Amino acid sequence: MKILLANKFFFRNGGSETVFFQERNFLMHLGHQVIDFSMEHPSNFMSPHSRYFVPNVNYRNGHKRGRTAGFLASLGAARSLVHNPVAVRNLSALVSAEGPEIAHLHNIYHQLTPSIIPLLKSAGIPVILTLHDYKLICPSYLMVSEGKVCDRCRGRHFWRAGAKACHEGSRTRSMLLTLEAYWHKVLRSYEGVDRFIAPSEFVAKLVGGGRVDPSKVSVLYNGIDTATYRPSWIDRDYAIYFGRLSEEKGIEVLLQSFRQFLRGGSESVGRREFSLKIVGAGPASERLRKEYPEVEFCGYRTGDELHTLVSQSSFVVIPSLCNENCSMAALEGMAYGKPIIASRIGGLPEQVDEGKTGFLFRPGDVEDLLEKMEALIRNRPQRKEMGSAGREKVVLNYSFEGHCSGLLKVYDEVLNAVRDLDRRG
């Protein structure tokens, strides 16, 4: 089978890229021909199709082809965020040269743009889109406004994002994203998608609640290679957070909670012996390092370094203030046999079984998080018991093999449905 895989980053930029490359490697291992479409970037992996990749566009910094400018330095840059003609042209050439049988799109917004969907449909190629975020119902992805979870747009009322300056507090950026959302809604770009893959029941219900036809949504949890991510059962008395250091991830809630733990808490808890490690980078990195010197900031880590840090921790904390979809951090922690303490938000309650594989706490509640952390810090046997239960759940429900079997099933269903339509036509 010839499968077009599209994602704007062709390197491991985050959790969605982890899923993207896992699936890509799996398909290639089975002997399928994978056709890559992405954006140029110095960190990109090698691809035989890189000559078709679109020029690097970083709208966050206003950086385009090596030139630094403001976010709206040119009308052309603003237009290409909504509709990138270069992406459409390059993909058209790639499709003509390679003739894919099916297209699976991941994170395509802004650099590749949803304008590539009508092109694929006009070429008779079935389209699948994985919903790694909430872009279809929220112009700014995160469903967060003024520091709180927000569902005012609901896939229809996009003007509210512009009015509230939801995207990074910038009215200009938010209005542009609002325009983008209305543009693709009017053009019915997403109506060209044959099947949406939702990594959680939570996101499936959101998008199926009015934005897309629920019958076109399949729930397929993210998977993890349980043969690679194996427990060491080492516990070196530290909690760990690993991920992006930004406001919506709730990192400061965790830091404040840990500070309170160090300054007070039960006398039975060995406060001096227990620590917190923060792994990752992001816009809040420098400020947080200065404000919380009692915490160990490890910076960005990947590969064996990250594996060692997670596998030797006591438990993993995911303090998100935004609606997580299907957290890869939770899956990695569980695969290593670690309990998870997570916000009761988004898809996280689907992953963490309260009191069995970890604890859930009220998003943004420093005291509630402190209570959950102290419970595990005091009880090493419970940490191991919960970690074992988490490992078992990952093997049963989130294995990479199960994920890939589900992915192939979706491909077959979409291709068979298209063939049925062709026969009837």
Protein backbone atom coordinates (compact mmCIF):
# COMPACT_ATOMS: atom_id res chain seq x y z
CA MET A 1 0.00 0.00 0.00
CA LYS A 2 1.17 3.54 -0.79
CA ILE A 3 0.43 5.79 2.18
CA LEU A 4 0.95 9.54 2.28
CA LEU A 5 1.87 10.70 5.79
CA ALA A 6 1.74 14.46 6.45
CA ASN A 7 2.92 16.31 9.55
CA LYS A 8 4.37 19.81 9.65
CA PHE A 9 7.35 18.76 11.78
CA PHE A 10 9.60 15.97 10.54
CA PHE A 11 11.50 15.65 13.80
CA ARG A 12 10.46 14.80 17.36
CA ASN A 13 8.98 18.12 18.40
CA GLY A 14 6.41 16.75 20.84
CA GLY A 15 3.94 14.00 21.64
CA SER A 16 2.16 14.17 18.29
CA GLU A 17 5.46 13.61 16.49
CA THR A 18 6.18 10.62 18.73
CA VAL A 19 2.91 9.07 17.52
CA PHE A 20 3.60 10.09 13.92
CA PHE A 21 7.03 8.47 13.76
CA GLN A 22 5.92 5.37 15.63
CA GLU A 23 3.22 4.79 13.03
CA ARG A 24 5.54 5.63 10.15
CA ASN A 25 8.16 3.13 11.31
CA PHE A 26 5.52 0.46 11.83
CA LEU A 27 4.09 0.87 8.34
CA MET A 28 7.52 0.79 6.74
CA HIS A 29 8.42 -2.33 8.74
CA LEU A 30 5.36 -4.07 7.29
CA GLY A 31 6.57 -3.23 3.79
CA HIS A 32 4.14 -0.44 2.98
CA GLN A 33 5.50 2.44 0.90
CA VAL A 34 5.39 5.62 2.98
CA ILE A 35 5.33 8.98 1.21
CA ASP A 36 6.38 11.89 3.44
CA PHE A 37 5.06 15.44 3.31
CA SER A 38 6.26 18.04 5.80
CA MET A 39 8.08 21.35 6.31
CA GLU A 40 11.77 22.06 5.91
CA HIS A 41 13.70 22.33 9.17
CA PRO A 42 17.35 21.92 10.23
CA SER A 43 16.32 19.20 12.74
CA ASN A 44 14.46 17.09 10.19
CA PHE A 45 15.17 13.41 9.78
CA MET A 46 16.14 12.19 6.34
CA SER A 47 13.36 11.58 3.82
CA PRO A 48 13.45 10.58 0.15
CA HIS A 49 10.65 13.09 -0.43
CA SER A 50 12.23 16.12 1.24
CA ARG A 51 12.46 18.02 -2.07
CA TYR A 52 8.66 18.40 -1.86
CA PHE A 53 8.68 19.80 1.69
CA VAL A 54 7.44 23.37 2.10
CA PRO A 55 9.76 26.22 3.18
CA ASN A 56 10.18 26.72 6.91
CA VAL A 57 7.60 29.10 8.34
CA ASN A 58 7.61 29.95 12.05
CA TYR A 59 4.66 32.23 12.69
CA ARG A 60 5.36 32.39 16.43
CA ASN A 61 8.60 34.29 15.83
CA GLY A 62 7.69 35.84 12.53
CA HIS A 63 10.61 33.92 11.03
CA LYS A 64 10.31 32.97 7.40
CA ARG A 65 13.13 31.57 5.28
CA GLY A 66 15.75 32.93 7.63
CA ARG A 67 14.35 36.48 7.87
CA THR A 68 13.10 37.79 11.20
CA ALA A 69 10.06 40.03 11.20
CA GLY A 70 6.89 40.67 13.15
CA PHE A 71 4.08 38.17 13.23
CA LEU A 72 2.25 40.13 10.56
CA ALA A 73 5.34 41.53 8.85
CA SER A 74 3.76 40.78 5.49
CA LEU A 75 0.24 40.15 4.29
CA GLY A 76 1.61 37.16 2.41
CA ALA A 77 2.74 35.50 5.65
CA ALA A 78 -0.69 36.02 7.18
CA ARG A 79 -2.45 34.62 4.13
CA SER A 80 -0.24 31.57 3.98
CA LEU A 81 -1.16 30.68 7.58
CA VAL A 82 -4.74 30.27 6.38
CA HIS A 83 -3.97 28.86 2.93
CA ASN A 84 -0.42 27.96 1.94
CA PRO A 85 -0.27 27.90 -1.88
CA VAL A 86 3.26 26.48 -1.83
CA ALA A 87 2.07 23.51 0.24
CA VAL A 88 -0.79 22.90 -2.17
CA ARG A 89 1.52 23.16 -5.18
CA ASN A 90 4.22 20.92 -3.73
CA LEU A 91 1.76 18.30 -2.55
CA SER A 92 0.11 18.27 -5.96
CA ALA A 93 3.50 17.49 -7.52
CA LEU A 94 4.18 14.79 -4.91
CA VAL A 95 0.81 13.13 -5.48
CA SER A 96 1.36 13.15 -9.24
CA ALA A 97 4.81 11.62 -8.85
CA GLU A 98 3.98 8.94 -6.25
CA GLY A 99 0.26 8.17 -6.56
CA PRO A 100 -0.65 7.41 -2.90
CA GLU A 101 -3.67 5.20 -2.24
CA ILE A 102 -4.56 6.82 1.08
CA ALA A 103 -3.48 9.92 3.03
CA HIS A 104 -3.05 10.09 6.80
CA LEU A 105 -2.68 13.63 8.12
CA HIS A 106 -1.46 14.58 11.59
CA ASN A 107 -0.47 18.11 12.65
CA ILE A 108 -0.95 20.09 9.43
CA TYR A 109 -2.19 23.46 10.69
CA HIS A 110 -0.59 26.79 9.72
CA GLN A 111 2.45 25.53 7.79
CA LEU A 112 0.77 22.91 5.59
CA THR A 113 -2.80 24.13 6.20
CA PRO A 114 -6.09 22.22 5.78
CA SER A 115 -6.16 23.51 2.19
CA ILE A 116 -4.31 20.32 1.26
CA ILE A 117 -7.42 18.26 2.12
CA PRO A 118 -9.54 19.39 -0.90
CA LEU A 119 -6.51 18.77 -3.13
CA LEU A 120 -6.26 15.16 -1.92
CA LYS A 121 -9.99 14.63 -2.35
CA SER A 122 -9.93 16.01 -5.88
CA ALA A 123 -7.23 13.44 -6.64
CA GLY A 124 -9.50 10.67 -5.38
CA ILE A 125 -7.35 9.92 -2.31
CA PRO A 126 -9.17 8.96 0.92
CA VAL A 127 -8.15 11.19 3.85
CA ILE A 128 -7.67 10.33 7.53
CA LEU A 129 -6.88 13.01 10.13
CA THR A 130 -5.62 12.31 13.66
CA LEU A 131 -6.91 14.86 16.19
CA HIS A 132 -3.87 15.53 18.35
CA ASP A 133 -5.45 18.72 19.72
CA TYR A 134 -8.68 20.71 19.71
CA LYS A 135 -8.11 22.83 16.62
CA LEU A 136 -11.43 21.88 15.02
CA ILE A 137 -13.39 23.39 17.90
CA CYS A 138 -10.95 26.00 19.24
CA PRO A 139 -8.93 28.32 16.95
CA SER A 140 -6.06 28.46 19.45
CA TYR A 141 -5.82 24.65 19.92
CA LEU A 142 -5.85 24.49 23.71
CA MET A 143 -9.39 25.35 24.86
CA VAL A 144 -7.81 27.75 27.37
CA SER A 145 -8.74 31.40 27.86
CA GLU A 146 -7.48 33.75 30.57
CA GLY A 147 -5.76 30.84 32.28
CA LYS A 148 -8.87 28.65 32.50
CA VAL A 149 -10.40 25.86 30.43
CA CYS A 150 -12.81 27.36 27.92
CA ASP A 151 -15.39 25.82 25.59
CA ARG A 152 -17.07 28.98 24.33
CA CYS A 153 -16.23 28.48 20.65
CA ARG A 154 -17.61 24.92 20.48
CA GLY A 155 -16.60 24.50 16.87
CA ARG A 156 -18.94 27.27 15.75
CA HIS A 157 -18.51 30.59 17.59
CA PHE A 158 -14.90 31.23 16.61
CA TRP A 159 -15.25 35.03 16.94
CA ARG A 160 -15.06 34.57 20.71
CA ALA A 161 -11.40 33.55 20.48
CA GLY A 162 -10.59 36.82 18.77
CA ALA A 163 -12.66 38.89 21.18
CA LYS A 164 -10.97 37.30 24.20
CA ALA A 165 -7.44 37.37 22.70
CA CYS A 166 -7.16 33.70 23.65
CA HIS A 167 -3.95 32.95 21.76
CA GLU A 168 -1.03 34.07 23.94
CA GLY A 169 -2.96 37.18 24.96
CA SER A 170 -2.53 38.68 21.50
CA ARG A 171 -5.66 40.07 19.87
CA THR A 172 -3.96 40.25 16.48
CA ARG A 173 -2.86 36.61 16.52
CA SER A 174 -6.19 35.49 17.92
CA MET A 175 -8.11 37.36 15.21
CA LEU A 176 -5.96 35.75 12.53
CA LEU A 177 -6.65 32.29 13.96
CA THR A 178 -10.34 33.17 14.10
CA LEU A 179 -10.22 34.12 10.42
CA GLU A 180 -8.47 30.83 9.66
CA ALA A 181 -11.18 28.84 11.47
CA TYR A 182 -14.02 30.58 9.64
CA TRP A 183 -12.21 30.29 6.30
CA HIS A 184 -11.97 26.51 6.47
CA LYS A 185 -15.47 26.20 7.90
CA VAL A 186 -16.95 28.17 4.99
CA LEU A 187 -14.88 26.22 2.46
CA ARG A 188 -15.83 22.95 4.23
CA SER A 189 -12.20 21.84 4.16
CA TYR A 190 -12.66 19.29 6.93
CA GLU A 191 -15.70 17.79 5.23
CA GLY A 192 -13.19 16.18 2.87
CA VAL A 193 -11.85 14.01 5.72
CA ASP A 194 -13.17 10.45 5.46
CA ARG A 195 -12.25 9.46 9.02
CA PHE A 196 -11.07 11.32 12.11
CA ILE A 197 -8.93 9.42 14.62
CA ALA A 198 -9.53 10.57 18.21
CA PRO A 199 -6.88 9.46 20.74
CA SER A 200 -9.43 9.68 23.58
CA GLU A 201 -13.16 9.34 24.18
CA PHE A 202 -13.03 12.91 25.47
CA VAL A 203 -11.97 14.46 22.18
CA ALA A 204 -14.26 12.14 20.21
CA LYS A 205 -17.27 13.47 22.10
CA LEU A 206 -16.12 17.08 21.70
CA VAL A 207 -15.70 17.00 17.93
CA GLY A 208 -18.70 14.75 17.44
CA GLY A 209 -20.88 17.13 19.39
CA GLY A 210 -21.52 19.39 16.43
CA ARG A 211 -18.26 19.98 14.55
CA VAL A 212 -18.12 16.74 12.52
CA ASP A 213 -20.33 13.73 11.87
CA PRO A 214 -19.84 11.39 14.88
CA SER A 215 -19.96 8.37 12.55
CA LYS A 216 -16.72 9.61 10.97
CA VAL A 217 -14.83 9.56 14.31
CA SER A 218 -12.90 6.49 15.51
CA VAL A 219 -11.35 6.32 18.98
CA LEU A 220 -7.83 4.94 18.83
CA TYR A 221 -5.70 5.46 21.92
CA ASN A 222 -2.06 6.35 21.46
CA GLY A 223 0.21 3.35 21.84
CA ILE A 224 3.59 2.73 23.42
CA ASP A 225 6.21 0.07 22.81
CA THR A 226 6.00 -1.91 26.03
CA ALA A 227 9.04 -3.97 25.02
CA THR A 228 11.22 -0.83 24.93
CA TYR A 229 9.64 0.95 27.89
CA ARG A 230 10.12 -1.62 30.64
CA PRO A 231 10.12 -1.15 34.43
CA SER A 232 13.44 -1.19 36.28
CA TRP A 233 11.58 -1.00 39.62
CA ILE A 234 14.25 1.44 40.80
CA ASP A 235 12.87 4.20 43.02
CA ARG A 236 15.29 7.00 43.90
CA ASP A 237 12.88 9.18 45.89
CA TYR A 238 12.00 11.92 43.46
CA ALA A 239 8.92 13.00 41.57
CA ILE A 240 9.30 13.94 37.92
CA TYR A 241 7.57 16.19 35.42
CA PHE A 242 8.66 15.93 31.80
CA GLY A 243 7.18 18.01 29.03
CA ARG A 244 6.79 21.56 27.84
CA LEU A 245 7.41 24.32 30.38
CA SER A 246 4.49 26.62 29.66
CA GLU A 247 1.56 28.05 31.58
CA GLU A 248 -1.14 25.74 30.23
CA LYS A 249 0.79 22.67 31.40
CA GLY A 250 0.27 23.70 35.02
CA ILE A 251 3.96 23.45 35.84
CA GLU A 252 3.78 26.30 38.37
CA VAL A 253 0.99 24.53 40.25
CA LEU A 254 3.39 21.61 40.75
CA LEU A 255 6.26 23.88 41.78
CA GLN A 256 4.14 25.74 44.34
CA SER A 257 2.85 22.47 45.73
CA PHE A 258 6.34 21.04 46.09
CA ARG A 259 7.54 24.23 47.76
CA GLN A 260 4.78 23.85 50.32
CA PHE A 261 5.80 20.23 50.82
CA LEU A 262 9.38 21.26 51.59
CA ARG A 263 8.27 23.96 54.02
CA GLY A 264 5.64 21.99 55.88
CA GLY A 265 3.59 18.86 55.58
CA SER A 266 3.57 15.85 57.85
CA GLU A 267 6.61 15.30 60.02
CA SER A 268 6.56 11.64 58.98
CA VAL A 269 7.46 12.65 55.47
CA GLY A 270 11.19 12.84 54.77
CA ARG A 271 11.09 16.26 53.13
CA ARG A 272 14.84 16.69 52.87
CA GLU A 273 15.33 13.28 51.26
CA PHE A 274 12.67 13.65 48.55
CA SER A 275 13.16 15.87 45.50
CA LEU A 276 11.46 17.05 42.32
CA LYS A 277 13.02 16.92 38.87
CA ILE A 278 11.69 19.05 36.00
CA VAL A 279 12.62 17.85 32.52
CA GLY A 280 11.85 19.95 29.46
CA ALA A 281 12.07 23.39 27.92
CA GLY A 282 9.67 26.14 27.01
CA PRO A 283 8.81 29.81 27.33
CA ALA A 284 8.68 29.71 31.13
CA SER A 285 12.03 27.94 31.64
CA GLU A 286 14.27 30.83 32.67
CA ARG A 287 11.77 32.48 34.99
CA LEU A 288 10.92 29.23 36.77
CA ARG A 289 14.58 28.32 37.28
CA LYS A 290 15.14 31.63 39.06
CA GLU A 291 11.97 31.54 41.15
CA TYR A 292 12.26 27.91 42.29
CA PRO A 293 15.94 27.22 43.08
CA GLU A 294 14.96 24.34 45.40
CA VAL A 295 13.86 22.27 42.38
CA GLU A 296 16.21 20.47 39.99
CA PHE A 297 15.65 21.69 36.43
CA CYS A 298 17.25 19.15 34.09
CA GLY A 299 16.60 20.96 30.81
CA TYR A 300 15.56 19.20 27.64
CA ARG A 301 16.38 15.49 27.64
CA THR A 302 15.61 12.71 25.21
CA GLY A 303 16.54 9.10 24.47
CA ASP A 304 18.39 7.11 27.13
CA GLU A 305 18.83 10.15 29.41
CA LEU A 306 15.10 10.73 29.60
CA HIS A 307 14.38 7.01 29.94
CA THR A 308 16.71 6.75 32.93
CA LEU A 309 15.24 9.80 34.64
CA VAL A 310 11.67 8.53 34.31
CA SER A 311 12.40 4.86 35.07
CA GLN A 312 14.18 5.71 38.33
CA SER A 313 11.59 8.20 39.59
CA SER A 314 9.04 7.55 42.34
CA PHE A 315 6.05 8.86 40.41
CA VAL A 316 5.14 11.11 37.47
CA VAL A 317 3.14 14.33 37.85
CA ILE A 318 1.00 15.75 35.00
CA PRO A 319 -0.45 19.01 36.40
CA SER A 320 -2.11 20.30 33.21
CA LEU A 321 -4.51 23.21 33.22
CA CYS A 322 -5.56 22.40 29.66
CA ASN A 323 -7.53 19.45 28.33
CA GLU A 324 -4.91 16.80 27.67
CA ASN A 325 -5.90 14.39 24.93
CA CYS A 326 -4.06 11.08 25.37
CA SER A 327 -0.92 11.99 27.28
CA MET A 328 2.24 10.24 26.11
CA ALA A 329 3.90 11.28 29.39
CA ALA A 330 1.25 9.27 31.26
CA LEU A 331 1.79 6.27 29.00
CA GLU A 332 5.56 6.39 29.36
CA GLY A 333 5.33 6.68 33.12
CA MET A 334 2.89 3.79 33.38
CA ALA A 335 4.97 1.65 31.03
CA TYR A 336 7.94 2.17 33.37
CA GLY A 337 5.79 1.04 36.29
CA LYS A 338 5.34 4.48 37.85
CA PRO A 339 2.18 5.85 39.50
CA ILE A 340 0.70 8.92 37.83
CA ILE A 341 -0.63 11.98 39.65
CA ALA A 342 -2.62 13.97 37.09
CA SER A 343 -5.17 16.75 36.79
CA ARG A 344 -8.74 15.55 36.52
CA ILE A 345 -9.12 17.09 33.08
CA GLY A 346 -9.56 16.14 29.42
CA GLY A 347 -8.59 12.57 28.60
CA LEU A 348 -6.39 12.06 31.67
CA PRO A 349 -9.15 10.38 33.74
CA GLU A 350 -9.37 7.75 30.98
CA GLN A 351 -5.71 6.95 31.52
CA VAL A 352 -5.37 7.18 35.30
CA ASP A 353 -7.55 4.94 37.46
CA GLU A 354 -8.08 6.86 40.69
CA GLY A 355 -6.60 5.03 43.65
CA LYS A 356 -5.37 2.15 41.50
CA THR A 357 -2.77 3.40 39.02
CA GLY A 358 -2.36 6.82 40.62
CA PHE A 359 -4.32 9.84 41.78
CA LEU A 360 -6.34 12.60 40.12
CA PHE A 361 -6.50 16.12 41.58
CA ARG A 362 -8.50 19.24 40.87
CA PRO A 363 -6.78 21.26 38.10
CA GLY A 364 -4.89 24.22 39.52
CA ASP A 365 -5.46 23.17 43.15
CA VAL A 366 -2.07 23.37 44.90
CA GLU A 367 -3.38 21.89 48.16
CA ASP A 368 -5.11 18.94 46.49
CA LEU A 369 -1.95 18.13 44.54
CA LEU A 370 0.14 18.40 47.72
CA GLU A 371 -2.16 15.93 49.48
CA LYS A 372 -1.83 13.41 46.63
CA MET A 373 1.94 13.78 46.45
CA GLU A 374 2.38 13.37 50.21
CA ALA A 375 0.29 10.20 50.12
CA LEU A 376 2.74 8.61 47.68
CA ILE A 377 5.87 10.08 49.22
CA ARG A 378 4.95 8.49 52.57
CA ASN A 379 4.08 5.12 51.09
CA ARG A 380 6.78 3.40 49.03
CA PRO A 381 4.90 0.04 48.88
CA GLN A 382 1.87 1.83 47.44
CA ARG A 383 4.06 3.43 44.79
CA LYS A 384 5.17 0.01 43.61
CA GLU A 385 1.65 -1.42 43.78
CA MET A 386 0.18 1.43 41.74
CA GLY A 387 3.10 1.34 39.31
CA SER A 388 2.52 -2.37 38.72
CA ALA A 389 -1.18 -1.75 38.07
CA GLY A 390 -0.30 1.05 35.63
CA ARG A 391 2.12 -1.20 33.78
CA GLU A 392 -0.59 -3.84 33.47
CA LYS A 393 -3.08 -1.30 32.12
CA VAL A 394 -0.64 -0.05 29.49
CA VAL A 395 0.07 -3.59 28.29
CA LEU A 396 -3.65 -4.36 28.04
CA ASN A 397 -5.02 -1.10 26.62
CA TYR A 398 -2.20 1.02 25.21
CA SER A 399 0.29 -1.36 23.62
CA PHE A 400 1.87 -0.24 20.39
CA GLU A 401 0.82 -3.51 18.77
CA GLY A 402 -2.82 -2.88 19.66
CA HIS A 403 -2.61 0.69 18.43
CA CYS A 404 -1.17 -0.36 15.09
CA SER A 405 -3.74 -3.12 14.62
CA GLY A 406 -6.42 -0.50 15.19
CA LEU A 407 -4.74 1.84 12.72
CA LEU A 408 -4.71 -0.79 9.96
CA LYS A 409 -8.36 -1.53 10.70
CA VAL A 410 -9.22 2.15 10.18
CA TYR A 411 -7.28 2.17 6.89
CA ASP A 412 -9.15 -0.92 5.68
CA GLU A 413 -12.54 0.50 6.69
CA VAL A 414 -11.91 3.76 4.85
CA LEU A 415 -10.57 2.09 1.71
CA ASN A 416 -13.45 -0.41 1.63
CA ALA A 417 -16.01 2.38 2.07
CA VAL A 418 -14.48 4.31 -0.84
CA ARG A 419 -14.46 1.19 -3.03
CA ASP A 420 -18.13 0.55 -2.20
CA LEU A 421 -18.99 4.08 -3.24
CA ASP A 422 -17.05 3.66 -6.48
CA ARG A 423 -18.94 0.43 -7.27
CA ARG A 424 -22.28 2.08 -6.62
CA GLY A 425 -21.26 5.05 -8.73
